[in-house]
C-alpha atoms as a PDB file:
ATOM      1  CA  UNK A   1      25.286 -48.810 181.825  1.00  0.00           C
ATOM      2  CA  UNK A   2      24.974 -52.967 182.483  1.00  0.00           C
ATOM      3  CA  UNK A   3      25.970 -52.503 186.243  1.00  0.00           C
ATOM      4  CA  UNK A   4      23.324 -49.780 187.156  1.00  0.00           C
ATOM      5  CA  UNK A   5      20.851 -51.836 188.865  1.00  0.00           C
ATOM      6  CA  UNK A   6      19.466 -51.677 192.263  1.00  0.00           C
ATOM      7  CA  UNK A   7      21.882 -54.559 193.060  1.00  0.00           C
ATOM      8  CA  UNK A   8      25.060 -53.090 191.686  1.00  0.00           C
ATOM      9  CA  UNK A   9      24.466 -49.927 193.648  1.00  0.00           C
ATOM     10  CA  UNK A  10      23.713 -51.458 196.883  1.00  0.00           C
ATOM     11  CA  UNK A  11      26.880 -53.343 196.599  1.00  0.00           C
ATOM     12  CA  UNK A  12      29.010 -50.577 195.584  1.00  0.00           C
ATOM     13  CA  UNK A  13      27.706 -48.157 198.169  1.00  0.00           C
ATOM     14  CA  UNK A  14      28.291 -50.364 201.139  1.00  0.00           C
ATOM     15  CA  UNK A  15      32.172 -50.674 200.405  1.00  0.00           C
ATOM     16  CA  UNK A  16      32.814 -47.602 198.768  1.00  0.00           C
ATOM     17  CA  UNK A  17      30.859 -44.337 199.679  1.00  0.00           C
ATOM     18  CA  UNK A  18      29.843 -42.429 196.528  1.00  0.00           C
ATOM     19  CA  UNK A  19      32.096 -40.113 197.186  1.00  0.00           C
ATOM     20  CA  UNK A  20      34.792 -42.488 197.186  1.00  0.00           C
ATOM     21  CA  UNK A  21      34.143 -44.767 194.595  1.00  0.00           C
ATOM     22  CA  UNK A  22      36.671 -43.586 191.861  1.00  0.00           C
ATOM     23  CA  UNK A  23      39.258 -43.889 194.245  1.00  0.00           C
ATOM     24  CA  UNK A  24      38.169 -47.526 194.520  1.00  0.00           C
ATOM     25  CA  UNK A  25      37.846 -48.600 191.305  1.00  0.00           C
ATOM     26  CA  UNK A  26      41.740 -47.276 190.697  1.00  0.00           C
ATOM     27  CA  UNK A  27      43.055 -49.211 193.780  1.00  0.00           C
ATOM     28  CA  UNK A  28      41.374 -52.565 192.448  1.00  0.00           C
ATOM     29  CA  UNK A  29      42.703 -51.958 189.036  1.00  0.00           C
ATOM     30  CA  UNK A  30      45.655 -51.249 190.459  1.00  0.00           C
ATOM     31  CA  UNK A  31      46.002 -54.491 192.496  1.00  0.00           C
ATOM     32  CA  UNK A  32      45.262 -56.390 189.554  1.00  0.00           C
ATOM     33  CA  UNK A  33      47.308 -55.378 187.072  1.00  0.00           C
ATOM     34  CA  UNK A  34      49.328 -58.186 185.084  1.00  0.00           C
ATOM     35  CA  UNK A  35      46.064 -60.598 186.067  1.00  0.00           C
ATOM     36  CA  UNK A  36      46.002 -63.102 183.208  1.00  0.00           C
ATOM     37  CA  UNK A  37      42.712 -64.199 181.945  1.00  0.00           C
ATOM     38  CA  UNK A  38      43.245 -67.742 183.012  1.00  0.00           C
ATOM     39  CA  UNK A  39      44.329 -67.146 186.266  1.00  0.00           C
ATOM     40  CA  UNK A  40      42.416 -66.648 189.889  1.00  0.00           C
ATOM     41  CA  UNK A  41      43.566 -65.126 192.814  1.00  0.00           C
ATOM     42  CA  UNK A  42      44.681 -67.262 195.939  1.00  0.00           C
ATOM     43  CA  UNK A  43      42.121 -65.676 198.647  1.00  0.00           C
ATOM     44  CA  UNK A  44      42.186 -67.614 202.223  1.00  0.00           C
ATOM     45  CA  UNK A  45      40.110 -64.941 203.725  1.00  0.00           C
ATOM     46  CA  UNK A  46      37.334 -65.808 201.025  1.00  0.00           C
ATOM     47  CA  UNK A  47      34.670 -68.334 202.261  1.00  0.00           C
ATOM     48  CA  UNK A  48      33.455 -69.318 198.730  1.00  0.00           C
ATOM     49  CA  UNK A  49      34.881 -69.534 195.439  1.00  0.00           C
ATOM     50  CA  UNK A  50      33.767 -66.601 193.549  1.00  0.00           C
ATOM     51  CA  UNK A  51      33.945 -63.774 191.003  1.00  0.00           C
ATOM     52  CA  UNK A  52      32.555 -60.703 189.141  1.00  0.00           C
ATOM     53  CA  UNK A  53      30.362 -61.197 186.107  1.00  0.00           C
ATOM     54  CA  UNK A  54      32.714 -59.300 183.999  1.00  0.00           C
ATOM     55  CA  UNK A  55      35.661 -61.658 184.829  1.00  0.00           C
ATOM     56  CA  UNK A  56      33.665 -64.775 184.940  1.00  0.00           C
ATOM     57  CA  UNK A  57      32.665 -64.008 181.249  1.00  0.00           C
ATOM     58  CA  UNK A  58      36.183 -63.704 179.827  1.00  0.00           C
ATOM     59  CA  UNK A  59      37.176 -66.735 182.383  1.00  0.00           C
ATOM     60  CA  UNK A  60      34.666 -69.050 180.722  1.00  0.00           C
ATOM     61  CA  UNK A  61      35.501 -68.198 177.343  1.00  0.00           C
ATOM     62  CA  UNK A  62      39.194 -68.627 177.411  1.00  0.00           C
ATOM     63  CA  UNK A  63      38.557 -71.892 179.565  1.00  0.00           C
ATOM     64  CA  UNK A  64      35.937 -73.407 177.235  1.00  0.00           C
ATOM     65  CA  UNK A  65      38.338 -72.730 174.291  1.00  0.00           C
ATOM     66  CA  UNK A  66      41.300 -74.105 175.751  1.00  0.00           C
ATOM     67  CA  UNK A  67      39.489 -77.232 177.005  1.00  0.00           C
ATOM     68  CA  UNK A  68      37.161 -77.800 174.439  1.00  0.00           C
ATOM     69  CA  UNK A  69      34.282 -78.625 177.164  1.00  0.00           C
ATOM     70  CA  UNK A  70      31.324 -76.347 177.817  1.00  0.00           C
ATOM     71  CA  UNK A  71      30.315 -75.074 181.215  1.00  0.00           C
ATOM     72  CA  UNK A  72      27.117 -75.577 183.198  1.00  0.00           C
ATOM     73  CA  UNK A  73      25.461 -72.336 184.825  1.00  0.00           C
ATOM     74  CA  UNK A  74      22.641 -72.569 187.111  1.00  0.00           C
ATOM     75  CA  UNK A  75      20.666 -69.676 189.226  1.00  0.00           C
ATOM     76  CA  UNK A  76      22.056 -69.027 192.528  1.00  0.00           C
ATOM     77  CA  UNK A  77      21.472 -66.522 195.123  1.00  0.00           C
ATOM     78  CA  UNK A  78      24.275 -66.450 197.874  1.00  0.00           C
ATOM     79  CA  UNK A  79      24.707 -63.465 200.080  1.00  0.00           C
ATOM     80  CA  UNK A  80      28.537 -62.260 200.633  1.00  0.00           C
ATOM     81  CA  UNK A  81      29.716 -60.019 203.040  1.00  0.00           C
ATOM     82  CA  UNK A  82      33.032 -58.349 202.348  1.00  0.00           C
ATOM     83  CA  UNK A  83      36.061 -57.089 204.547  1.00  0.00           C
ATOM     84  CA  UNK A  84      34.696 -53.347 204.320  1.00  0.00           C
ATOM     85  CA  UNK A  85      31.223 -54.445 205.950  1.00  0.00           C
ATOM     86  CA  UNK A  86      29.521 -54.532 202.946  1.00  0.00           C
ATOM     87  CA  UNK A  87      27.326 -57.387 200.843  1.00  0.00           C
ATOM     88  CA  UNK A  88      26.163 -58.286 197.555  1.00  0.00           C
ATOM     89  CA  UNK A  89      24.093 -61.563 196.294  1.00  0.00           C
ATOM     90  CA  UNK A  90      25.172 -63.401 193.652  1.00  0.00           C
ATOM     91  CA  UNK A  91      23.075 -64.249 190.449  1.00  0.00           C
ATOM     92  CA  UNK A  92      24.552 -67.459 188.955  1.00  0.00           C
ATOM     93  CA  UNK A  93      26.676 -70.343 189.706  1.00  0.00           C
ATOM     94  CA  UNK A  94      29.105 -71.795 187.282  1.00  0.00           C
ATOM     95  CA  UNK A  95      30.806 -75.205 187.060  1.00  0.00           C
ATOM     96  CA  UNK A  96      33.832 -73.972 184.500  1.00  0.00           C
ATOM     97  CA  UNK A  97      36.213 -76.498 182.976  1.00  0.00           C
ATOM     98  CA  UNK A  98      39.671 -76.174 184.021  1.00  0.00           C
ATOM     99  CA  UNK A  99      43.045 -78.141 183.221  1.00  0.00           C
ATOM    100  CA  UNK A 100      45.236 -78.700 186.497  1.00  0.00           C
ATOM    101  CA  UNK A 101      47.671 -81.683 185.304  1.00  0.00           C
ATOM    102  CA  UNK A 102      46.395 -85.035 183.711  1.00  0.00           C
ATOM    103  CA  UNK A 103      43.261 -85.117 185.215  1.00  0.00           C
ATOM    104  CA  UNK A 104      40.184 -85.416 182.745  1.00  0.00           C
ATOM    105  CA  UNK A 105      36.708 -83.592 183.365  1.00  0.00           C
ATOM    106  CA  UNK A 106      37.760 -81.176 185.967  1.00  0.00           C
ATOM    107  CA  UNK A 107      35.633 -78.445 186.876  1.00  0.00           C
ATOM    108  CA  UNK A 108      35.798 -75.339 189.557  1.00  0.00           C
ATOM    109  CA  UNK A 109      32.397 -74.037 190.719  1.00  0.00           C
ATOM    110  CA  UNK A 110      32.640 -70.194 190.961  1.00  0.00           C
ATOM    111  CA  UNK A 111      29.362 -68.251 192.242  1.00  0.00           C
ATOM    112  CA  UNK A 112      29.108 -65.180 189.865  1.00  0.00           C
ATOM    113  CA  UNK A 113      27.885 -61.881 191.195  1.00  0.00           C
ATOM    114  CA  UNK A 114      27.667 -58.222 189.793  1.00  0.00           C
ATOM    115  CA  UNK A 115      30.690 -57.292 191.754  1.00  0.00           C
ATOM    116  CA  UNK A 116      32.659 -55.060 189.098  1.00  0.00           C
ATOM    117  CA  UNK A 117      36.330 -55.489 188.744  1.00  0.00           C
ATOM    118  CA  UNK A 118      36.115 -58.526 191.195  1.00  0.00           C
ATOM    119  CA  UNK A 119      38.183 -61.294 189.622  1.00  0.00           C
ATOM    120  CA  UNK A 120      38.073 -65.065 190.391  1.00  0.00           C
ATOM    121  CA  UNK A 121      39.056 -65.204 194.237  1.00  0.00           C
ATOM    122  CA  UNK A 122      39.753 -68.988 195.111  1.00  0.00           C
ATOM    123  CA  UNK A 123      38.270 -69.708 198.115  1.00  0.00           C
ATOM    124  CA  UNK A 124      38.669 -71.832 201.222  1.00  0.00           C
ATOM    125  CA  UNK A 125      36.617 -74.641 200.131  1.00  0.00           C
ATOM    126  CA  UNK A 126      37.845 -74.869 196.900  1.00  0.00           C
ATOM    127  CA  UNK A 127      41.700 -74.948 197.941  1.00  0.00           C
ATOM    128  CA  UNK A 128      40.858 -77.574 200.703  1.00  0.00           C
ATOM    129  CA  UNK A 129      38.948 -79.782 198.244  1.00  0.00           C
ATOM    130  CA  UNK A 130      42.045 -79.968 195.896  1.00  0.00           C
ATOM    131  CA  UNK A 131      44.084 -80.855 199.269  1.00  0.00           C
ATOM    132  CA  UNK A 132      46.177 -77.298 198.883  1.00  0.00           C
ATOM    133  CA  UNK A 133      49.363 -76.758 200.635  1.00  0.00           C
ATOM    134  CA  UNK A 134      50.845 -73.409 199.992  1.00  0.00           C
ATOM    135  CA  UNK A 135      54.596 -73.441 199.982  1.00  0.00           C
ATOM    136  CA  UNK A 136      56.365 -69.951 200.455  1.00  0.00           C
ATOM    137  CA  UNK A 137      59.746 -71.135 201.525  1.00  0.00           C
ATOM    138  CA  UNK A 138      61.524 -69.733 198.382  1.00  0.00           C
ATOM    139  CA  UNK A 139      61.225 -66.991 195.931  1.00  0.00           C
ATOM    140  CA  UNK A 140      58.750 -68.906 193.643  1.00  0.00           C
ATOM    141  CA  UNK A 141      55.882 -69.577 195.588  1.00  0.00           C
ATOM    142  CA  UNK A 142      53.893 -73.123 194.539  1.00  0.00           C
ATOM    143  CA  UNK A 143      51.207 -74.913 195.706  1.00  0.00           C
ATOM    144  CA  UNK A 144      50.884 -79.143 195.966  1.00  0.00           C
ATOM    145  CA  UNK A 145      47.536 -80.154 195.388  1.00  0.00           C
ATOM    146  CA  UNK A 146      47.456 -83.389 197.231  1.00  0.00           C
ATOM    147  CA  UNK A 147      43.707 -84.542 195.871  1.00  0.00           C
ATOM    148  CA  UNK A 148      45.058 -84.041 192.027  1.00  0.00           C
ATOM    149  CA  UNK A 149      48.324 -85.444 193.186  1.00  0.00           C
ATOM    150  CA  UNK A 150      50.454 -82.723 191.340  1.00  0.00           C
ATOM    151  CA  UNK A 151      52.487 -79.310 192.176  1.00  0.00           C
ATOM    152  CA  UNK A 152      51.213 -76.317 190.789  1.00  0.00           C
ATOM    153  CA  UNK A 153      52.947 -72.909 190.262  1.00  0.00           C
ATOM    154  CA  UNK A 154      51.924 -69.928 191.848  1.00  0.00           C
ATOM    155  CA  UNK A 155      52.548 -66.066 190.589  1.00  0.00           C
ATOM    156  CA  UNK A 156      53.124 -62.814 192.418  1.00  0.00           C
ATOM    157  CA  UNK A 157      50.924 -60.340 190.842  1.00  0.00           C
ATOM    158  CA  UNK A 158      53.236 -56.642 191.252  1.00  0.00           C
ATOM    159  CA  UNK A 159      50.467 -55.822 193.975  1.00  0.00           C
ATOM    160  CA  UNK A 160      51.713 -58.679 195.960  1.00  0.00           C
ATOM    161  CA  UNK A 161      48.882 -61.049 195.696  1.00  0.00           C
ATOM    162  CA  UNK A 162      49.150 -64.623 194.504  1.00  0.00           C
ATOM    163  CA  UNK A 163      47.342 -66.195 191.450  1.00  0.00           C
ATOM    164  CA  UNK A 164      47.015 -69.467 190.018  1.00  0.00           C
ATOM    165  CA  UNK A 165      46.536 -70.328 186.683  1.00  0.00           C
ATOM    166  CA  UNK A 166      43.498 -72.446 186.293  1.00  0.00           C
ATOM    167  CA  UNK A 167      44.834 -74.057 182.735  1.00  0.00           C
ATOM    168  CA  UNK A 168      48.009 -75.717 183.566  1.00  0.00           C
ATOM    169  CA  UNK A 169      48.088 -78.885 182.107  1.00  0.00           C
ATOM    170  CA  UNK A 170      51.271 -79.864 181.539  1.00  0.00           C
ATOM    171  CA  UNK A 171      53.426 -78.043 184.199  1.00  0.00           C
ATOM    172  CA  UNK A 172      54.685 -79.861 187.422  1.00  0.00           C
ATOM    173  CA  UNK A 173      55.803 -83.524 187.896  1.00  0.00           C
ATOM    174  CA  UNK A 174      54.239 -86.288 186.043  1.00  0.00           C
ATOM    175  CA  UNK A 175      51.323 -87.841 188.288  1.00  0.00           C
ATOM    176  CA  UNK A 176      53.712 -91.009 188.252  1.00  0.00           C
ATOM    177  CA  UNK A 177      56.728 -89.189 189.688  1.00  0.00           C
ATOM    178  CA  UNK A 178      53.888 -87.396 192.303  1.00  0.00           C
ATOM    179  CA  UNK A 179      53.279 -90.558 193.296  1.00  0.00           C
ATOM    180  CA  UNK A 180      56.354 -92.412 194.210  1.00  0.00           C
ATOM    181  CA  UNK A 181      57.282 -88.984 196.656  1.00  0.00           C
ATOM    182  CA  UNK A 182      53.813 -89.379 198.082  1.00  0.00           C
ATOM    183  CA  UNK A 183      54.315 -93.047 199.147  1.00  0.00           C
ATOM    184  CA  UNK A 184      56.554 -91.540 201.773  1.00  0.00           C
ATOM    185  CA  UNK A 185      54.447 -89.022 203.129  1.00  0.00           C
ATOM    186  CA  UNK A 186      51.185 -88.813 205.135  1.00  0.00           C
ATOM    187  CA  UNK A 187      48.084 -88.853 203.008  1.00  0.00           C
ATOM    188  CA  UNK A 188      44.904 -86.782 204.149  1.00  0.00           C
ATOM    189  CA  UNK A 189      41.375 -88.030 203.922  1.00  0.00           C
ATOM    190  CA  UNK A 190      40.179 -87.904 200.625  1.00  0.00           C
ATOM    191  CA  UNK A 191      37.661 -85.394 200.312  1.00  0.00           C
ATOM    192  CA  UNK A 192      36.279 -85.276 196.729  1.00  0.00           C
ATOM    193  CA  UNK A 193      36.855 -87.282 193.744  1.00  0.00           C
ATOM    194  CA  UNK A 194      40.074 -86.230 191.823  1.00  0.00           C
ATOM    195  CA  UNK A 195      38.314 -84.670 189.021  1.00  0.00           C
ATOM    196  CA  UNK A 196      36.211 -82.280 190.927  1.00  0.00           C
ATOM    197  CA  UNK A 197      37.771 -79.152 191.980  1.00  0.00           C
ATOM    198  CA  UNK A 198      34.824 -77.680 194.414  1.00  0.00           C
END
């Protein structure tokens, strides 16, 4: 088994004791029913954008094929703490191409670790870099990305998790339409160049 490493066992045992691992894995699978390969979970409790290596491999393949651009991979060792008190260390950082509106050359930086079953988690720093403002006032949640000057649709999984499709080149108002409405709205200070998501 590719996951049968000391790092994997440390992580798995820290969040799910050995006698509860099957129950834990079944619960994670149930939470992520209907997650599409180009979607990431919007996670306001996550201090870094991250994902498990199995999810990241699939996400990277889809995004490279759809955008026609390559990812950049680097070694990394970021320590992560999880809600249940467990921890793990990432082993890779990836700048993966995404398509959000009409901006070229966008990437999202993801810390990748041996976190089996973990989808892509859009953490707070990435959401801040995009200038994300989440609107839950209607039955169809959405997000305004002020630094990218566009709206993005959010989707609710059957489990209640909100997800965002990172390949969404055509939806939302055109940049010119958003620019006209932005003139009346106070603008936050620019945090990042529009092409760099995180």
